[in-house]
Amino acid sequence: MNEEIIINDEGIEQIALKSYTQSAYLNYSMYVINDRALPNLGDGLKPV
């Protein structure tokens, strides 16, 4: 993803809302798929 992070004089990072939401949604969806939707060997491959 093309993210342009701008740091202002006060040291605060600024990023476009669209870039942030795309990245955050992708990270969350991968978490849900990997940790919640796929069966886990640790619990006997039972779905959650």
PDB file of N, CA and C in Angstrom:
ATOM      1  N   MET A   1       0.833  -1.178   0.000  1.00  0.00           N
ATOM      2  CA  MET A   1       0.000   0.000   0.000  1.00  0.00           C
ATOM      3  C   MET A   1       0.877   1.241   0.000  1.00  0.00           C
ATOM      4  N   ASN A   2       0.388   2.234  -0.643  1.00  0.00           N
ATOM      5  CA  ASN A   2       1.139   3.477  -0.737  1.00  0.00           C
ATOM      6  C   ASN A   2       0.714   4.397   0.403  1.00  0.00           C
ATOM      7  N   GLU A   3       1.537   4.468   1.429  1.00  0.00           N
ATOM      8  CA  GLU A   3       1.216   5.292   2.586  1.00  0.00           C
ATOM      9  C   GLU A   3       2.214   6.438   2.682  1.00  0.00           C
ATOM     10  N   GLU A   4       1.697   7.638   2.759  1.00  0.00           N
ATOM     11  CA  GLU A   4       2.555   8.799   2.938  1.00  0.00           C
ATOM     12  C   GLU A   4       2.329   9.326   4.342  1.00  0.00           C
ATOM     13  N   ILE A   5       3.323   9.137   5.195  1.00  0.00           N
ATOM     14  CA  ILE A   5       3.232   9.582   6.579  1.00  0.00           C
ATOM     15  C   ILE A   5       3.954  10.916   6.695  1.00  0.00           C
ATOM     16  N   ILE A   6       3.246  11.894   7.219  1.00  0.00           N
ATOM     17  CA  ILE A   6       3.796  13.237   7.394  1.00  0.00           C
ATOM     18  C   ILE A   6       3.957  13.489   8.889  1.00  0.00           C
ATOM     19  N   ILE A   7       5.129  13.960   9.281  1.00  0.00           N
ATOM     20  CA  ILE A   7       5.374  14.317  10.679  1.00  0.00           C
ATOM     21  C   ILE A   7       5.443  15.835  10.755  1.00  0.00           C
ATOM     22  N   ASN A   8       4.530  16.418  11.550  1.00  0.00           N
ATOM     23  CA  ASN A   8       4.495  17.881  11.642  1.00  0.00           C
ATOM     24  C   ASN A   8       5.506  18.385  12.671  1.00  0.00           C
ATOM     25  N   ASP A   9       5.515  19.681  12.907  1.00  0.00           N
ATOM     26  CA  ASP A   9       6.489  20.310  13.805  1.00  0.00           C
ATOM     27  C   ASP A   9       6.373  19.834  15.245  1.00  0.00           C
ATOM     28  N   GLU A  10       5.177  19.412  15.643  1.00  0.00           N
ATOM     29  CA  GLU A  10       4.959  18.955  17.019  1.00  0.00           C
ATOM     30  C   GLU A  10       5.290  17.476  17.204  1.00  0.00           C
ATOM     31  N   GLY A  11       5.717  16.808  16.142  1.00  0.00           N
ATOM     32  CA  GLY A  11       6.073  15.400  16.219  1.00  0.00           C
ATOM     33  C   GLY A  11       4.891  14.455  16.065  1.00  0.00           C
ATOM     34  N   ILE A  12       3.777  14.967  15.581  1.00  0.00           N
ATOM     35  CA  ILE A  12       2.581  14.152  15.402  1.00  0.00           C
ATOM     36  C   ILE A  12       2.565  13.603  13.981  1.00  0.00           C
ATOM     37  N   GLU A  13       2.365  12.283  13.871  1.00  0.00           N
ATOM     38  CA  GLU A  13       2.303  11.655  12.560  1.00  0.00           C
ATOM     39  C   GLU A  13       0.909  11.827  11.974  1.00  0.00           C
ATOM     40  N   GLN A  14       0.851  12.130  10.701  1.00  0.00           N
ATOM     41  CA  GLN A  14      -0.421  12.257  10.000  1.00  0.00           C
ATOM     42  C   GLN A  14      -0.400  11.331   8.802  1.00  0.00           C
ATOM     43  N   ILE A  15      -1.511  10.633   8.594  1.00  0.00           N
ATOM     44  CA  ILE A  15      -1.642   9.717   7.468  1.00  0.00           C
ATOM     45  C   ILE A  15      -3.052   9.864   6.913  1.00  0.00           C
ATOM     46  N   ALA A  16      -3.205   9.620   5.645  1.00  0.00           N
ATOM     47  CA  ALA A  16      -4.525   9.726   5.027  1.00  0.00           C
ATOM     48  C   ALA A  16      -5.465   8.698   5.647  1.00  0.00           C
ATOM     49  N   LEU A  17      -6.687   9.113   5.911  1.00  0.00           N
ATOM     50  CA  LEU A  17      -7.669   8.236   6.544  1.00  0.00           C
ATOM     51  C   LEU A  17      -7.920   6.993   5.703  1.00  0.00           C
ATOM     52  N   LYS A  18      -7.970   7.142   4.393  1.00  0.00           N
ATOM     53  CA  LYS A  18      -8.208   6.003   3.504  1.00  0.00           C
ATOM     54  C   LYS A  18      -7.103   4.961   3.645  1.00  0.00           C
ATOM     55  N   SER A  19      -5.854   5.393   3.683  1.00  0.00           N
ATOM     56  CA  SER A  19      -4.731   4.462   3.830  1.00  0.00           C
ATOM     57  C   SER A  19      -4.782   3.748   5.168  1.00  0.00           C
ATOM     58  N   TYR A  20      -5.084   4.501   6.219  1.00  0.00           N
ATOM     59  CA  TYR A  20      -5.140   3.903   7.551  1.00  0.00           C
ATOM     60  C   TYR A  20      -6.259   2.874   7.657  1.00  0.00           C
ATOM     61  N   THR A  21      -7.443   3.210   7.155  1.00  0.00           N
ATOM     62  CA  THR A  21      -8.563   2.283   7.275  1.00  0.00           C
ATOM     63  C   THR A  21      -8.348   1.033   6.432  1.00  0.00           C
ATOM     64  N   GLN A  22      -7.755   1.177   5.256  1.00  0.00           N
ATOM     65  CA  GLN A  22      -7.464   0.001   4.434  1.00  0.00           C
ATOM     66  C   GLN A  22      -6.507  -0.934   5.158  1.00  0.00           C
ATOM     67  N   SER A  23      -5.460  -0.377   5.717  1.00  0.00           N
ATOM     68  CA  SER A  23      -4.470  -1.180   6.428  1.00  0.00           C
ATOM     69  C   SER A  23      -5.066  -1.820   7.676  1.00  0.00           C
ATOM     70  N   ALA A  24      -5.827  -1.055   8.439  1.00  0.00           N
ATOM     71  CA  ALA A  24      -6.425  -1.575   9.670  1.00  0.00           C
ATOM     72  C   ALA A  24      -7.434  -2.674   9.365  1.00  0.00           C
ATOM     73  N   TYR A  25      -8.251  -2.497   8.342  1.00  0.00           N
ATOM     74  CA  TYR A  25      -9.250  -3.505   7.991  1.00  0.00           C
ATOM     75  C   TYR A  25      -8.582  -4.778   7.500  1.00  0.00           C
ATOM     76  N   LEU A  26      -7.525  -4.651   6.703  1.00  0.00           N
ATOM     77  CA  LEU A  26      -6.807  -5.826   6.222  1.00  0.00           C
ATOM     78  C   LEU A  26      -6.186  -6.589   7.385  1.00  0.00           C
ATOM     79  N   ASN A  27      -5.560  -5.882   8.315  1.00  0.00           N
ATOM     80  CA  ASN A  27      -4.973  -6.541   9.486  1.00  0.00           C
ATOM     81  C   ASN A  27      -6.034  -7.248  10.315  1.00  0.00           C
ATOM     82  N   TYR A  28      -7.175  -6.601  10.530  1.00  0.00           N
ATOM     83  CA  TYR A  28      -8.251  -7.204  11.317  1.00  0.00           C
ATOM     84  C   TYR A  28      -8.826  -8.428  10.611  1.00  0.00           C
ATOM     85  N   SER A  29      -9.042  -8.334   9.311  1.00  0.00           N
ATOM     86  CA  SER A  29      -9.613  -9.468   8.590  1.00  0.00           C
ATOM     87  C   SER A  29      -8.662 -10.662   8.593  1.00  0.00           C
ATOM     88  N   MET A  30      -7.364 -10.414   8.476  1.00  0.00           N
ATOM     89  CA  MET A  30      -6.403 -11.518   8.534  1.00  0.00           C
ATOM     90  C   MET A  30      -6.383 -12.140   9.927  1.00  0.00           C
ATOM     91  N   TYR A  31      -6.534 -11.331  10.966  1.00  0.00           N
ATOM     92  CA  TYR A  31      -6.610 -11.853  12.326  1.00  0.00           C
ATOM     93  C   TYR A  31      -7.824 -12.759  12.476  1.00  0.00           C
ATOM     94  N   VAL A  32      -8.966 -12.316  11.986  1.00  0.00           N
ATOM     95  CA  VAL A  32     -10.192 -13.106  12.113  1.00  0.00           C
ATOM     96  C   VAL A  32     -10.052 -14.424  11.372  1.00  0.00           C
ATOM     97  N   ILE A  33      -9.503 -14.386  10.173  1.00  0.00           N
ATOM     98  CA  ILE A  33      -9.348 -15.615   9.393  1.00  0.00           C
ATOM     99  C   ILE A  33      -8.384 -16.567  10.080  1.00  0.00           C
ATOM    100  N   ASN A  34      -7.234 -16.077  10.498  1.00  0.00           N
ATOM    101  CA  ASN A  34      -6.208 -16.948  11.076  1.00  0.00           C
ATOM    102  C   ASN A  34      -6.538 -17.432  12.476  1.00  0.00           C
ATOM    103  N   ASP A  35      -7.068 -16.570  13.321  1.00  0.00           N
ATOM    104  CA  ASP A  35      -7.234 -16.919  14.729  1.00  0.00           C
ATOM    105  C   ASP A  35      -8.638 -17.333  15.113  1.00  0.00           C
ATOM    106  N   ARG A  36      -9.636 -17.048  14.299  1.00  0.00           N
ATOM    107  CA  ARG A  36     -10.998 -17.340  14.713  1.00  0.00           C
ATOM    108  C   ARG A  36     -11.745 -18.223  13.732  1.00  0.00           C
ATOM    109  N   ALA A  37     -11.540 -18.051  12.439  1.00  0.00           N
ATOM    110  CA  ALA A  37     -12.346 -18.768  11.454  1.00  0.00           C
ATOM    111  C   ALA A  37     -11.784 -20.142  11.111  1.00  0.00           C
ATOM    112  N   LEU A  38     -10.468 -20.279  11.128  1.00  0.00           N
ATOM    113  CA  LEU A  38      -9.865 -21.567  10.795  1.00  0.00           C
ATOM    114  C   LEU A  38      -9.794 -22.454  12.030  1.00  0.00           C
ATOM    115  N   PRO A  39     -10.054 -23.751  11.854  1.00  0.00           N
ATOM    116  CA  PRO A  39      -9.938 -24.659  13.005  1.00  0.00           C
ATOM    117  C   PRO A  39      -8.514 -24.664  13.552  1.00  0.00           C
ATOM    118  N   ASN A  40      -8.403 -24.859  14.856  1.00  0.00           N
ATOM    119  CA  ASN A  40      -7.111 -24.822  15.533  1.00  0.00           C
ATOM    120  C   ASN A  40      -6.749 -26.222  16.008  1.00  0.00           C
ATOM    121  N   LEU A  41      -5.536 -26.635  15.758  1.00  0.00           N
ATOM    122  CA  LEU A  41      -5.075 -27.946  16.188  1.00  0.00           C
ATOM    123  C   LEU A  41      -5.051 -28.044  17.709  1.00  0.00           C
ATOM    124  N   GLY A  42      -4.791 -26.940  18.393  1.00  0.00           N
ATOM    125  CA  GLY A  42      -4.716 -26.930  19.853  1.00  0.00           C
ATOM    126  C   GLY A  42      -6.021 -27.285  20.534  1.00  0.00           C
ATOM    127  N   ASP A  43      -7.145 -27.043  19.897  1.00  0.00           N
ATOM    128  CA  ASP A  43      -8.433 -27.377  20.506  1.00  0.00           C
ATOM    129  C   ASP A  43      -9.114 -28.541  19.790  1.00  0.00           C
ATOM    130  N   GLY A  44      -8.329 -29.380  19.141  1.00  0.00           N
ATOM    131  CA  GLY A  44      -8.878 -30.555  18.474  1.00  0.00           C
ATOM    132  C   GLY A  44      -9.565 -30.242  17.160  1.00  0.00           C
ATOM    133  N   LEU A  45      -9.156 -29.182  16.511  1.00  0.00           N
ATOM    134  CA  LEU A  45      -9.705 -28.742  15.227  1.00  0.00           C
ATOM    135  C   LEU A  45     -11.197 -28.450  15.296  1.00  0.00           C
ATOM    136  N   LYS A  46     -11.669 -28.037  16.465  1.00  0.00           N
ATOM    137  CA  LYS A  46     -13.078 -27.664  16.616  1.00  0.00           C
ATOM    138  C   LYS A  46     -13.260 -26.226  16.139  1.00  0.00           C
ATOM    139  N   PRO A  47     -14.308 -25.962  15.374  1.00  0.00           N
ATOM    140  CA  PRO A  47     -14.561 -24.567  14.992  1.00  0.00           C
ATOM    141  C   PRO A  47     -15.005 -23.761  16.203  1.00  0.00           C
ATOM    142  N   VAL A  48     -14.696 -22.487  16.187  1.00  0.00           N
ATOM    143  CA  VAL A  48     -15.045 -21.624  17.324  1.00  0.00           C
ATOM    144  C   VAL A  48     -16.509 -21.270  17.267  1.00  0.00           C
TER     145      VAL A  48
END
